[in-house]
Amino acid sequence: MTNTAAADPVGGPSAEGTRSGGLRERKKARTRRAIQAHTLRLIEEQGYAATTVEQIAEAAEISPSTFFRYFRNKEDAAVADFMDASVFDQVMVAPEGLSLVEALRHGIHSVMEGMSDEEWQHEMLRSRLLSSVPELRRELMEEMVRPMRMSIQGAARRFGLSQDSLEARVFGGALVGGLFGVLLPQLDEVRQDLPVLVSRAEVIAMMDEALTVLARVLVPPV
């Protein structure tokens, strides 16, 4: 959304404009999370096929038209991964001396360790439904494109490359593919009747192990 607030004397947005823009973005983020939470809850309670956009909108106390401003359909609402952007933000502010793999480790630890128990349970419910609902598993492949694009952008920035360069695309794509490959067996084994996927500590340990391997096998572009 374009910020139309008046600029301050040094050419940046005014403090009032910055605050109002920040409040709008936080409100939008809360709405997106609320829509997803109700989507997941309804699918778990009554099944995928029986859950409609109208029911989700009613539970979230919004109109169906508002729902479609945030998500394309109920599959999109259920699959959307909000952790990706948070991890990417942490990667971008990681200490300069870290390699890209270590910056990614920094981002994963910062985000996962900073999540509340409620947020973690939300992520585990999302993972469980992704593994047990065929329609959501198909949507997951499309959702993978977003973190891959972020990883490519991060690689390009860290190495001073164009985002269109072959080096940035291969290295960034390999990072995401390597991490996703670690989770595939967990997604294959989990079922709807299991309370959680794995513990937070186990997920972080798996990510650390995968990143250690990636640091050995991936040669950063020069």
C-alpha atoms as a PDB file:
ATOM      1  CA  MET A   1       0.000   0.000   0.000  1.00  0.00           C
ATOM      2  CA  THR A   2       1.362   3.420  -0.937  1.00  0.00           C
ATOM      3  CA  ASN A   3       2.052   5.690   1.998  1.00  0.00           C
ATOM      4  CA  THR A   4       0.508   9.095   1.260  1.00  0.00           C
ATOM      5  CA  ALA A   5       1.604  10.687   4.527  1.00  0.00           C
ATOM      6  CA  ALA A   6       3.469  13.978   4.311  1.00  0.00           C
ATOM      7  CA  ALA A   7       7.240  13.801   4.255  1.00  0.00           C
ATOM      8  CA  ASP A   8       9.333  15.201   7.061  1.00  0.00           C
ATOM      9  CA  PRO A   9      11.877  18.007   6.468  1.00  0.00           C
ATOM     10  CA  VAL A  10      14.668  15.572   5.621  1.00  0.00           C
ATOM     11  CA  GLY A  11      12.677  13.840   2.945  1.00  0.00           C
ATOM     12  CA  GLY A  12      11.506  10.698   4.777  1.00  0.00           C
ATOM     13  CA  PRO A  13       7.962   9.840   5.902  1.00  0.00           C
ATOM     14  CA  SER A  14       6.710  11.747   8.915  1.00  0.00           C
ATOM     15  CA  ALA A  15       6.641  10.007  12.302  1.00  0.00           C
ATOM     16  CA  GLU A  16       2.854  10.068  12.198  1.00  0.00           C
ATOM     17  CA  GLY A  17       2.830   8.470   8.759  1.00  0.00           C
ATOM     18  CA  THR A  18       5.298   5.808   9.819  1.00  0.00           C
ATOM     19  CA  ARG A  19       3.252   4.956  12.904  1.00  0.00           C
ATOM     20  CA  SER A  20      -0.015   4.801  10.960  1.00  0.00           C
ATOM     21  CA  GLY A  21       1.582   2.645   8.253  1.00  0.00           C
ATOM     22  CA  GLY A  22       3.011   0.332  10.896  1.00  0.00           C
ATOM     23  CA  LEU A  23      -0.343   0.038  12.625  1.00  0.00           C
ATOM     24  CA  ARG A  24      -2.065  -0.790   9.340  1.00  0.00           C
ATOM     25  CA  GLU A  25       0.471  -3.477   8.538  1.00  0.00           C
ATOM     26  CA  ARG A  26       0.186  -5.008  12.010  1.00  0.00           C
ATOM     27  CA  LYS A  27      -3.606  -5.004  11.751  1.00  0.00           C
ATOM     28  CA  LYS A  28      -3.415  -6.700   8.355  1.00  0.00           C
ATOM     29  CA  ALA A  29      -0.983  -9.282   9.732  1.00  0.00           C
ATOM     30  CA  ARG A  30      -3.301 -10.007  12.687  1.00  0.00           C
ATOM     31  CA  THR A  31      -6.242 -10.418  10.316  1.00  0.00           C
ATOM     32  CA  ARG A  32      -4.293 -12.822   8.109  1.00  0.00           C
ATOM     33  CA  ARG A  33      -3.278 -14.901  11.106  1.00  0.00           C
ATOM     34  CA  ALA A  34      -6.831 -14.921  12.478  1.00  0.00           C
ATOM     35  CA  ILE A  35      -8.204 -16.096   9.129  1.00  0.00           C
ATOM     36  CA  GLN A  36      -5.659 -18.908   8.996  1.00  0.00           C
ATOM     37  CA  ALA A  37      -6.301 -19.923  12.609  1.00  0.00           C
ATOM     38  CA  HIS A  38     -10.044 -20.256  11.969  1.00  0.00           C
ATOM     39  CA  THR A  39      -9.403 -22.053   8.680  1.00  0.00           C
ATOM     40  CA  LEU A  40      -7.219 -24.663  10.358  1.00  0.00           C
ATOM     41  CA  ARG A  41      -9.586 -25.059  13.304  1.00  0.00           C
ATOM     42  CA  LEU A  42     -12.626 -25.601  11.090  1.00  0.00           C
ATOM     43  CA  ILE A  43     -10.829 -28.072   8.832  1.00  0.00           C
ATOM     44  CA  GLU A  44      -9.670 -30.024  11.886  1.00  0.00           C
ATOM     45  CA  GLU A  45     -13.141 -30.002  13.473  1.00  0.00           C
ATOM     46  CA  GLN A  46     -15.371 -30.734  10.480  1.00  0.00           C
ATOM     47  CA  GLY A  47     -13.095 -31.812   7.654  1.00  0.00           C
ATOM     48  CA  TYR A  48     -11.699 -30.134   4.578  1.00  0.00           C
ATOM     49  CA  ALA A  49     -14.640 -30.646   2.228  1.00  0.00           C
ATOM     50  CA  ALA A  50     -17.224 -29.369   4.725  1.00  0.00           C
ATOM     51  CA  THR A  51     -15.327 -26.149   5.424  1.00  0.00           C
ATOM     52  CA  THR A  52     -16.343 -23.150   3.323  1.00  0.00           C
ATOM     53  CA  VAL A  53     -14.984 -19.650   2.876  1.00  0.00           C
ATOM     54  CA  GLU A  54     -18.273 -18.313   4.223  1.00  0.00           C
ATOM     55  CA  GLN A  55     -17.837 -20.293   7.443  1.00  0.00           C
ATOM     56  CA  ILE A  56     -14.249 -19.100   7.825  1.00  0.00           C
ATOM     57  CA  ALA A  57     -15.256 -15.481   7.240  1.00  0.00           C
ATOM     58  CA  GLU A  58     -18.063 -15.738   9.787  1.00  0.00           C
ATOM     59  CA  ALA A  59     -15.730 -17.253  12.398  1.00  0.00           C
ATOM     60  CA  ALA A  60     -13.155 -14.509  11.775  1.00  0.00           C
ATOM     61  CA  GLU A  61     -15.902 -11.849  11.879  1.00  0.00           C
ATOM     62  CA  ILE A  62     -15.137 -10.550   8.409  1.00  0.00           C
ATOM     63  CA  SER A  63     -16.997 -10.596   5.102  1.00  0.00           C
ATOM     64  CA  PRO A  64     -16.205 -13.149   2.380  1.00  0.00           C
ATOM     65  CA  SER A  65     -14.996 -10.275   0.201  1.00  0.00           C
ATOM     66  CA  THR A  66     -12.511  -9.317   2.923  1.00  0.00           C
ATOM     67  CA  PHE A  67     -11.331 -12.945   3.058  1.00  0.00           C
ATOM     68  CA  PHE A  68     -10.507 -12.789  -0.647  1.00  0.00           C
ATOM     69  CA  ARG A  69      -8.429  -9.650  -0.138  1.00  0.00           C
ATOM     70  CA  TYR A  70      -6.061 -11.777   1.950  1.00  0.00           C
ATOM     71  CA  PHE A  71      -6.248 -15.248   0.380  1.00  0.00           C
ATOM     72  CA  ARG A  72      -7.257 -16.745  -2.956  1.00  0.00           C
ATOM     73  CA  ASN A  73      -9.180 -19.666  -1.426  1.00  0.00           C
ATOM     74  CA  LYS A  74      -9.357 -21.818   1.706  1.00  0.00           C
ATOM     75  CA  GLU A  75      -6.370 -23.896   0.581  1.00  0.00           C
ATOM     76  CA  ASP A  76      -4.240 -20.769   0.323  1.00  0.00           C
ATOM     77  CA  ALA A  77      -5.383 -19.672   3.792  1.00  0.00           C
ATOM     78  CA  ALA A  78      -4.467 -23.014   5.347  1.00  0.00           C
ATOM     79  CA  VAL A  79      -1.097 -23.471   3.644  1.00  0.00           C
ATOM     80  CA  ALA A  80       0.325 -19.922   3.894  1.00  0.00           C
ATOM     81  CA  ASP A  81       3.569 -19.938   5.893  1.00  0.00           C
ATOM     82  CA  PHE A  82       4.025 -16.758   7.932  1.00  0.00           C
ATOM     83  CA  MET A  83       7.353 -17.910   9.384  1.00  0.00           C
ATOM     84  CA  ASP A  84       9.158 -17.501   6.073  1.00  0.00           C
ATOM     85  CA  ALA A  85       9.017 -13.708   6.024  1.00  0.00           C
ATOM     86  CA  SER A  86      10.038 -13.500   9.693  1.00  0.00           C
ATOM     87  CA  VAL A  87      13.056 -15.750   9.130  1.00  0.00           C
ATOM     88  CA  PHE A  88      14.007 -13.769   6.024  1.00  0.00           C
ATOM     89  CA  ASP A  89      13.865 -10.503   7.996  1.00  0.00           C
ATOM     90  CA  GLN A  90      16.215 -11.986  10.602  1.00  0.00           C
ATOM     91  CA  VAL A  91      18.581 -13.244   7.908  1.00  0.00           C
ATOM     92  CA  MET A  92      18.811  -9.733   6.489  1.00  0.00           C
ATOM     93  CA  VAL A  93      19.809  -8.231   9.867  1.00  0.00           C
ATOM     94  CA  ALA A  94      22.201 -11.041  10.852  1.00  0.00           C
ATOM     95  CA  PRO A  95      25.786  -9.965  11.644  1.00  0.00           C
ATOM     96  CA  GLU A  96      27.796  -9.192   8.525  1.00  0.00           C
ATOM     97  CA  GLY A  97      30.520 -11.698   9.379  1.00  0.00           C
ATOM     98  CA  LEU A  98      28.175 -14.688   9.109  1.00  0.00           C
ATOM     99  CA  SER A  99      27.996 -16.806   5.983  1.00  0.00           C
ATOM    100  CA  LEU A 100      24.578 -17.065   4.345  1.00  0.00           C
ATOM    101  CA  VAL A 101      24.056 -20.526   5.873  1.00  0.00           C
ATOM    102  CA  GLU A 102      24.957 -19.203   9.315  1.00  0.00           C
ATOM    103  CA  ALA A 103      22.710 -16.176   8.764  1.00  0.00           C
ATOM    104  CA  LEU A 104      19.885 -18.590   7.962  1.00  0.00           C
ATOM    105  CA  ARG A 105      20.634 -20.517  11.145  1.00  0.00           C
ATOM    106  CA  HIS A 106      20.482 -17.206  13.031  1.00  0.00           C
ATOM    107  CA  GLY A 107      17.093 -16.446  11.468  1.00  0.00           C
ATOM    108  CA  ILE A 108      15.608 -19.861  12.224  1.00  0.00           C
ATOM    109  CA  HIS A 109      16.741 -19.790  15.853  1.00  0.00           C
ATOM    110  CA  SER A 110      15.545 -16.215  16.383  1.00  0.00           C
ATOM    111  CA  VAL A 111      12.078 -16.914  15.032  1.00  0.00           C
ATOM    112  CA  MET A 112      11.449 -20.401  16.418  1.00  0.00           C
ATOM    113  CA  GLU A 113      12.812 -19.656  19.883  1.00  0.00           C
ATOM    114  CA  GLY A 114      10.830 -16.414  20.011  1.00  0.00           C
ATOM    115  CA  MET A 115       7.466 -18.019  19.235  1.00  0.00           C
ATOM    116  CA  SER A 116       4.905 -18.359  21.994  1.00  0.00           C
ATOM    117  CA  ASP A 117       3.551 -21.807  22.860  1.00  0.00           C
ATOM    118  CA  GLU A 118       0.277 -20.860  21.181  1.00  0.00           C
ATOM    119  CA  GLU A 119       2.069 -19.855  17.990  1.00  0.00           C
ATOM    120  CA  TRP A 120       4.058 -23.088  18.000  1.00  0.00           C
ATOM    121  CA  GLN A 121       0.923 -25.200  18.455  1.00  0.00           C
ATOM    122  CA  HIS A 122      -0.614 -23.296  15.548  1.00  0.00           C
ATOM    123  CA  GLU A 123       2.357 -24.234  13.356  1.00  0.00           C
ATOM    124  CA  MET A 124       2.145 -27.870  14.441  1.00  0.00           C
ATOM    125  CA  LEU A 125      -1.565 -27.998  13.603  1.00  0.00           C
ATOM    126  CA  ARG A 126      -0.814 -26.505  10.206  1.00  0.00           C
ATOM    127  CA  SER A 127       1.930 -29.097   9.599  1.00  0.00           C
ATOM    128  CA  ARG A 128      -0.343 -31.942  10.693  1.00  0.00           C
ATOM    129  CA  LEU A 129      -3.123 -30.888   8.346  1.00  0.00           C
ATOM    130  CA  LEU A 130      -0.697 -30.400   5.470  1.00  0.00           C
ATOM    131  CA  SER A 131       0.372 -34.013   5.871  1.00  0.00           C
ATOM    132  CA  SER A 132      -3.099 -35.495   6.195  1.00  0.00           C
ATOM    133  CA  VAL A 133      -5.282 -33.499   3.754  1.00  0.00           C
ATOM    134  CA  PRO A 134      -4.431 -34.334   0.112  1.00  0.00           C
ATOM    135  CA  GLU A 135      -5.810 -31.048  -1.220  1.00  0.00           C
ATOM    136  CA  LEU A 136      -3.484 -29.103   1.066  1.00  0.00           C
ATOM    137  CA  ARG A 137      -0.443 -31.204   0.182  1.00  0.00           C
ATOM    138  CA  ARG A 138      -0.916 -30.245  -3.477  1.00  0.00           C
ATOM    139  CA  GLU A 139      -1.133 -26.563  -2.534  1.00  0.00           C
ATOM    140  CA  LEU A 140       2.067 -26.882  -0.488  1.00  0.00           C
ATOM    141  CA  MET A 141       4.201 -27.236  -3.607  1.00  0.00           C
ATOM    142  CA  GLU A 142       3.047 -23.826  -4.821  1.00  0.00           C
ATOM    143  CA  GLU A 143       3.668 -22.304  -1.391  1.00  0.00           C
ATOM    144  CA  MET A 144       7.299 -23.476  -1.565  1.00  0.00           C
ATOM    145  CA  VAL A 145       7.958 -20.981  -4.362  1.00  0.00           C
ATOM    146  CA  ARG A 146       7.679 -18.039  -1.952  1.00  0.00           C
ATOM    147  CA  PRO A 147      10.469 -19.008   0.499  1.00  0.00           C
ATOM    148  CA  MET A 148      12.618 -20.020  -2.451  1.00  0.00           C
ATOM    149  CA  ARG A 149      12.262 -16.539  -3.938  1.00  0.00           C
ATOM    150  CA  MET A 150      13.153 -15.037  -0.561  1.00  0.00           C
ATOM    151  CA  SER A 151      16.218 -17.262  -0.319  1.00  0.00           C
ATOM    152  CA  ILE A 152      17.343 -16.240  -3.791  1.00  0.00           C
ATOM    153  CA  GLN A 153      16.870 -12.594  -2.866  1.00  0.00           C
ATOM    154  CA  GLY A 154      18.888 -13.131   0.325  1.00  0.00           C
ATOM    155  CA  ALA A 155      21.680 -14.892  -1.569  1.00  0.00           C
ATOM    156  CA  ALA A 156      21.816 -12.092  -4.131  1.00  0.00           C
ATOM    157  CA  ARG A 157      22.087  -9.429  -1.418  1.00  0.00           C
ATOM    158  CA  ARG A 158      24.700 -11.271   0.609  1.00  0.00           C
ATOM    159  CA  PHE A 159      26.922 -11.976  -2.388  1.00  0.00           C
ATOM    160  CA  GLY A 160      26.311  -8.720  -4.245  1.00  0.00           C
ATOM    161  CA  LEU A 161      24.716 -10.516  -7.194  1.00  0.00           C
ATOM    162  CA  SER A 162      21.718  -9.882  -9.391  1.00  0.00           C
ATOM    163  CA  GLN A 163      18.619 -11.818  -8.319  1.00  0.00           C
ATOM    164  CA  ASP A 164      18.428 -13.077 -11.900  1.00  0.00           C
ATOM    165  CA  SER A 165      21.940 -14.496 -11.818  1.00  0.00           C
ATOM    166  CA  LEU A 166      22.314 -18.245 -12.110  1.00  0.00           C
ATOM    167  CA  GLU A 167      24.552 -18.297  -9.011  1.00  0.00           C
ATOM    168  CA  ALA A 168      21.954 -16.612  -6.774  1.00  0.00           C
ATOM    169  CA  ARG A 169      19.097 -18.759  -8.076  1.00  0.00           C
ATOM    170  CA  VAL A 170      20.958 -22.047  -7.687  1.00  0.00           C
ATOM    171  CA  PHE A 171      22.428 -21.273  -4.267  1.00  0.00           C
ATOM    172  CA  GLY A 172      19.205 -19.786  -2.848  1.00  0.00           C
ATOM    173  CA  GLY A 173      17.080 -22.600  -4.256  1.00  0.00           C
ATOM    174  CA  ALA A 174      19.443 -25.249  -2.893  1.00  0.00           C
ATOM    175  CA  LEU A 175      19.159 -23.796   0.622  1.00  0.00           C
ATOM    176  CA  VAL A 176      15.374 -24.075   0.692  1.00  0.00           C
ATOM    177  CA  GLY A 177      15.335 -27.459  -1.027  1.00  0.00           C
ATOM    178  CA  GLY A 178      17.840 -28.849   1.462  1.00  0.00           C
ATOM    179  CA  LEU A 179      15.797 -27.734   4.464  1.00  0.00           C
ATOM    180  CA  PHE A 180      12.531 -28.977   2.987  1.00  0.00           C
ATOM    181  CA  GLY A 181      14.100 -32.347   2.261  1.00  0.00           C
ATOM    182  CA  VAL A 182      14.806 -32.791   5.972  1.00  0.00           C
ATOM    183  CA  LEU A 183      11.123 -32.350   6.822  1.00  0.00           C
ATOM    184  CA  LEU A 184       9.713 -34.627   4.117  1.00  0.00           C
ATOM    185  CA  PRO A 185       9.948 -37.856   6.164  1.00  0.00           C
ATOM    186  CA  GLN A 186       8.150 -36.131   9.050  1.00  0.00           C
ATOM    187  CA  LEU A 187       5.348 -34.971   6.770  1.00  0.00           C
ATOM    188  CA  ASP A 188       5.050 -38.453   5.274  1.00  0.00           C
ATOM    189  CA  GLU A 189       4.796 -40.171   8.651  1.00  0.00           C
ATOM    190  CA  VAL A 190       2.510 -37.842  10.578  1.00  0.00           C
ATOM    191  CA  ARG A 191      -1.242 -38.449  10.613  1.00  0.00           C
ATOM    192  CA  GLN A 192      -4.322 -36.478  11.620  1.00  0.00           C
ATOM    193  CA  ASP A 193      -4.676 -38.272  14.955  1.00  0.00           C
ATOM    194  CA  LEU A 194      -1.201 -37.325  16.200  1.00  0.00           C
ATOM    195  CA  PRO A 195      -1.176 -34.351  18.604  1.00  0.00           C
ATOM    196  CA  VAL A 196       2.021 -32.728  17.282  1.00  0.00           C
ATOM    197  CA  LEU A 197       4.562 -33.198  14.536  1.00  0.00           C
ATOM    198  CA  VAL A 198       7.689 -33.041  16.677  1.00  0.00           C
ATOM    199  CA  SER A 199       8.809 -30.812  19.506  1.00  0.00           C
ATOM    200  CA  ARG A 200      10.231 -27.361  18.918  1.00  0.00           C
ATOM    201  CA  ALA A 201      13.660 -28.491  20.114  1.00  0.00           C
ATOM    202  CA  GLU A 202      13.583 -31.420  17.672  1.00  0.00           C
ATOM    203  CA  VAL A 203      12.700 -29.164  14.746  1.00  0.00           C
ATOM    204  CA  ILE A 204      15.497 -26.731  15.596  1.00  0.00           C
ATOM    205  CA  ALA A 205      17.934 -29.642  15.958  1.00  0.00           C
ATOM    206  CA  MET A 206      16.894 -31.018  12.551  1.00  0.00           C
ATOM    207  CA  MET A 207      17.369 -27.600  10.973  1.00  0.00           C
ATOM    208  CA  ASP A 208      20.803 -27.243  12.579  1.00  0.00           C
ATOM    209  CA  GLU A 209      21.870 -30.641  11.297  1.00  0.00           C
ATOM    210  CA  ALA A 210      20.634 -29.838   7.800  1.00  0.00           C
ATOM    211  CA  LEU A 211      22.407 -26.475   7.796  1.00  0.00           C
ATOM    212  CA  THR A 212      25.650 -28.125   8.902  1.00  0.00           C
ATOM    213  CA  VAL A 213      25.425 -30.457   5.917  1.00  0.00           C
ATOM    214  CA  LEU A 214      24.506 -27.605   3.561  1.00  0.00           C
ATOM    215  CA  ALA A 215      27.502 -25.582   4.758  1.00  0.00           C
ATOM    216  CA  ARG A 216      29.738 -28.513   3.728  1.00  0.00           C
ATOM    217  CA  VAL A 217      28.213 -29.250   0.336  1.00  0.00           C
ATOM    218  CA  LEU A 218      27.245 -25.784  -0.937  1.00  0.00           C
ATOM    219  CA  VAL A 219      30.059 -23.634  -2.301  1.00  0.00           C
ATOM    220  CA  PRO A 220      29.116 -19.953  -2.056  1.00  0.00           C
ATOM    221  CA  PRO A 221      29.383 -18.022  -5.337  1.00  0.00           C
ATOM    222  CA  VAL A 222      32.368 -15.713  -5.604  1.00  0.00           C
END
